[in-house]
Amino acid sequence: MSEKVNKIFKAIADPTRREIFHVLVAAGTALSVNQVSEKFDMSRQGVSKHLKLLREAGMVQVESVGRETYCHADAQPLKEVQNWLDSYDQFWDEKLDLLGKHLDQHNQKKA
């Protein structure tokens, strides 16, 4: 697994970070760190630490405008996770097809 995917999994492993990401996605626009902090029962510094991990995973873009820092969500990195999961979808599809064939053969022998 690539380091990029590892960072994404680390970022989404925490329910607070997932919720912060959701808030940014739902907003559909950049929010200031203060605006994000207002939605959570934690300090601005706590939210900033979560945003840092989301930023390192490429899931949040940060821009400073004057004295304010704005964040917006970028869901594109989640495609990396989807690609990783897709390989397991194919694996399980093949295994379930084989199981179905085995059960069909078993049922035919019983009949």
C-alpha atoms as a PDB file:
ATOM      1  CA  MET A   1       0.000   0.000   0.000  1.00  0.00           C
ATOM      2  CA  SER A   2       1.372   3.421  -0.879  1.00  0.00           C
ATOM      3  CA  GLU A   3       2.310   6.013   1.715  1.00  0.00           C
ATOM      4  CA  LYS A   4      -0.399   8.247   0.261  1.00  0.00           C
ATOM      5  CA  VAL A   5      -3.095   5.653   0.964  1.00  0.00           C
ATOM      6  CA  ASN A   6      -1.689   5.108   4.458  1.00  0.00           C
ATOM      7  CA  LYS A   7      -2.041   8.838   5.171  1.00  0.00           C
ATOM      8  CA  ILE A   8      -5.615   8.816   3.925  1.00  0.00           C
ATOM      9  CA  PHE A   9      -6.509   5.845   6.134  1.00  0.00           C
ATOM     10  CA  LYS A  10      -4.852   7.557   9.101  1.00  0.00           C
ATOM     11  CA  ALA A  11      -6.853  10.694   8.400  1.00  0.00           C
ATOM     12  CA  ILE A  12     -10.210   8.922   8.168  1.00  0.00           C
ATOM     13  CA  ALA A  13      -9.532   6.532  11.050  1.00  0.00           C
ATOM     14  CA  ASP A  14     -10.629   9.137  13.576  1.00  0.00           C
ATOM     15  CA  PRO A  15     -14.386   9.893  13.789  1.00  0.00           C
ATOM     16  CA  THR A  16     -13.751  13.568  14.560  1.00  0.00           C
ATOM     17  CA  ARG A  17     -11.623  13.977  11.440  1.00  0.00           C
ATOM     18  CA  ARG A  18     -14.304  12.237   9.381  1.00  0.00           C
ATOM     19  CA  GLU A  19     -16.877  14.657  10.790  1.00  0.00           C
ATOM     20  CA  ILE A  20     -14.651  17.677  10.115  1.00  0.00           C
ATOM     21  CA  PHE A  21     -14.191  16.457   6.554  1.00  0.00           C
ATOM     22  CA  HIS A  22     -17.951  15.949   6.238  1.00  0.00           C
ATOM     23  CA  VAL A  23     -18.616  19.475   7.497  1.00  0.00           C
ATOM     24  CA  LEU A  24     -16.253  20.874   4.857  1.00  0.00           C
ATOM     25  CA  VAL A  25     -17.767  18.755   2.088  1.00  0.00           C
ATOM     26  CA  ALA A  26     -21.315  19.695   3.107  1.00  0.00           C
ATOM     27  CA  ALA A  27     -20.409  23.381   3.217  1.00  0.00           C
ATOM     28  CA  GLY A  28     -19.486  23.268  -0.452  1.00  0.00           C
ATOM     29  CA  THR A  29     -17.213  26.237   0.083  1.00  0.00           C
ATOM     30  CA  ALA A  30     -14.136  27.144   2.076  1.00  0.00           C
ATOM     31  CA  LEU A  31     -14.692  27.661   5.792  1.00  0.00           C
ATOM     32  CA  SER A  32     -12.408  29.437   8.187  1.00  0.00           C
ATOM     33  CA  VAL A  33     -10.797  27.403  10.928  1.00  0.00           C
ATOM     34  CA  ASN A  34     -12.941  29.393  13.373  1.00  0.00           C
ATOM     35  CA  GLN A  35     -16.116  28.437  11.504  1.00  0.00           C
ATOM     36  CA  VAL A  36     -15.121  24.772  11.611  1.00  0.00           C
ATOM     37  CA  SER A  37     -14.194  25.026  15.298  1.00  0.00           C
ATOM     38  CA  GLU A  38     -17.611  26.446  16.172  1.00  0.00           C
ATOM     39  CA  LYS A  39     -19.214  23.189  15.037  1.00  0.00           C
ATOM     40  CA  PHE A  40     -17.220  21.070  17.507  1.00  0.00           C
ATOM     41  CA  ASP A  41     -16.875  20.910  21.258  1.00  0.00           C
ATOM     42  CA  MET A  42     -13.108  21.378  21.205  1.00  0.00           C
ATOM     43  CA  SER A  43     -10.573  24.143  21.017  1.00  0.00           C
ATOM     44  CA  ARG A  44      -9.519  25.796  17.790  1.00  0.00           C
ATOM     45  CA  GLN A  45      -6.097  24.260  18.386  1.00  0.00           C
ATOM     46  CA  GLY A  46      -7.646  20.782  18.583  1.00  0.00           C
ATOM     47  CA  VAL A  47      -9.491  21.297  15.316  1.00  0.00           C
ATOM     48  CA  SER A  48      -6.280  22.628  13.751  1.00  0.00           C
ATOM     49  CA  LYS A  49      -4.455  19.410  14.665  1.00  0.00           C
ATOM     50  CA  HIS A  50      -7.160  17.350  12.954  1.00  0.00           C
ATOM     51  CA  LEU A  51      -7.070  19.646   9.926  1.00  0.00           C
ATOM     52  CA  LYS A  52      -3.296  19.182   9.715  1.00  0.00           C
ATOM     53  CA  LEU A  53      -3.676  15.407   9.316  1.00  0.00           C
ATOM     54  CA  LEU A  54      -6.443  15.879   6.757  1.00  0.00           C
ATOM     55  CA  ARG A  55      -4.208  18.338   4.890  1.00  0.00           C
ATOM     56  CA  GLU A  56      -1.263  15.907   4.961  1.00  0.00           C
ATOM     57  CA  ALA A  57      -3.543  13.288   3.406  1.00  0.00           C
ATOM     58  CA  GLY A  58      -4.477  15.760   0.670  1.00  0.00           C
ATOM     59  CA  MET A  59      -8.116  15.785   1.761  1.00  0.00           C
ATOM     60  CA  VAL A  60      -8.172  19.413   2.864  1.00  0.00           C
ATOM     61  CA  GLN A  61      -6.655  22.409   1.138  1.00  0.00           C
ATOM     62  CA  VAL A  62      -5.699  25.392   3.278  1.00  0.00           C
ATOM     63  CA  GLU A  63      -5.364  29.011   2.203  1.00  0.00           C
ATOM     64  CA  SER A  64      -4.447  32.036   4.280  1.00  0.00           C
ATOM     65  CA  VAL A  65      -6.263  35.262   3.502  1.00  0.00           C
ATOM     66  CA  GLY A  66      -5.072  38.069   5.712  1.00  0.00           C
ATOM     67  CA  ARG A  67      -5.284  36.899   9.295  1.00  0.00           C
ATOM     68  CA  GLU A  68      -7.778  34.144   8.532  1.00  0.00           C
ATOM     69  CA  THR A  69      -7.081  30.569   7.426  1.00  0.00           C
ATOM     70  CA  TYR A  70      -9.656  28.937   5.152  1.00  0.00           C
ATOM     71  CA  CYS A  71     -10.089  25.237   4.474  1.00  0.00           C
ATOM     72  CA  HIS A  72     -11.975  23.356   1.823  1.00  0.00           C
ATOM     73  CA  ALA A  73     -12.434  19.644   1.285  1.00  0.00           C
ATOM     74  CA  ASP A  74     -10.922  17.741  -1.595  1.00  0.00           C
ATOM     75  CA  ALA A  75     -12.502  14.306  -1.916  1.00  0.00           C
ATOM     76  CA  GLN A  76     -10.245  13.240  -4.788  1.00  0.00           C
ATOM     77  CA  PRO A  77      -7.763  11.397  -2.523  1.00  0.00           C
ATOM     78  CA  LEU A  78     -10.590   9.074  -1.467  1.00  0.00           C
ATOM     79  CA  LYS A  79     -10.393   7.664  -5.022  1.00  0.00           C
ATOM     80  CA  GLU A  80      -7.087   6.071  -3.950  1.00  0.00           C
ATOM     81  CA  VAL A  81      -8.915   4.237  -1.176  1.00  0.00           C
ATOM     82  CA  GLN A  82     -11.695   3.253  -3.577  1.00  0.00           C
ATOM     83  CA  ASN A  83      -9.131   1.807  -5.989  1.00  0.00           C
ATOM     84  CA  TRP A  84      -7.576  -0.180  -3.152  1.00  0.00           C
ATOM     85  CA  LEU A  85     -10.996  -1.481  -2.084  1.00  0.00           C
ATOM     86  CA  ASP A  86     -11.946  -2.355  -5.671  1.00  0.00           C
ATOM     87  CA  SER A  87      -9.256  -5.036  -5.765  1.00  0.00           C
ATOM     88  CA  TYR A  88     -10.946  -6.712  -2.794  1.00  0.00           C
ATOM     89  CA  ASP A  89     -14.346  -6.419  -4.442  1.00  0.00           C
ATOM     90  CA  GLN A  90     -12.992  -8.401  -7.375  1.00  0.00           C
ATOM     91  CA  PHE A  91     -11.405 -10.941  -5.013  1.00  0.00           C
ATOM     92  CA  TRP A  92     -14.670 -11.545  -3.143  1.00  0.00           C
ATOM     93  CA  ASP A  93     -16.741 -11.608  -6.324  1.00  0.00           C
ATOM     94  CA  GLU A  94     -14.536 -14.419  -7.629  1.00  0.00           C
ATOM     95  CA  LYS A  95     -14.711 -16.327  -4.323  1.00  0.00           C
ATOM     96  CA  LEU A  96     -18.495 -16.010  -4.142  1.00  0.00           C
ATOM     97  CA  ASP A  97     -18.828 -17.173  -7.757  1.00  0.00           C
ATOM     98  CA  LEU A  98     -16.743 -20.263  -6.926  1.00  0.00           C
ATOM     99  CA  LEU A  99     -18.853 -20.918  -3.830  1.00  0.00           C
ATOM    100  CA  GLY A 100     -22.021 -20.600  -5.909  1.00  0.00           C
ATOM    101  CA  LYS A 101     -20.684 -23.097  -8.448  1.00  0.00           C
ATOM    102  CA  HIS A 102     -19.708 -25.494  -5.664  1.00  0.00           C
ATOM    103  CA  LEU A 103     -23.169 -25.255  -4.093  1.00  0.00           C
ATOM    104  CA  ASP A 104     -24.828 -25.788  -7.484  1.00  0.00           C
ATOM    105  CA  GLN A 105     -22.755 -28.934  -8.018  1.00  0.00           C
ATOM    106  CA  HIS A 106     -23.575 -30.157  -4.522  1.00  0.00           C
ATOM    107  CA  ASN A 107     -27.302 -29.575  -5.071  1.00  0.00           C
ATOM    108  CA  GLN A 108     -27.191 -31.375  -8.434  1.00  0.00           C
ATOM    109  CA  LYS A 109     -25.600 -34.431  -6.799  1.00  0.00           C
ATOM    110  CA  LYS A 110     -28.360 -34.495  -4.179  1.00  0.00           C
ATOM    111  CA  ALA A 111     -31.130 -34.382  -6.800  1.00  0.00           C
END
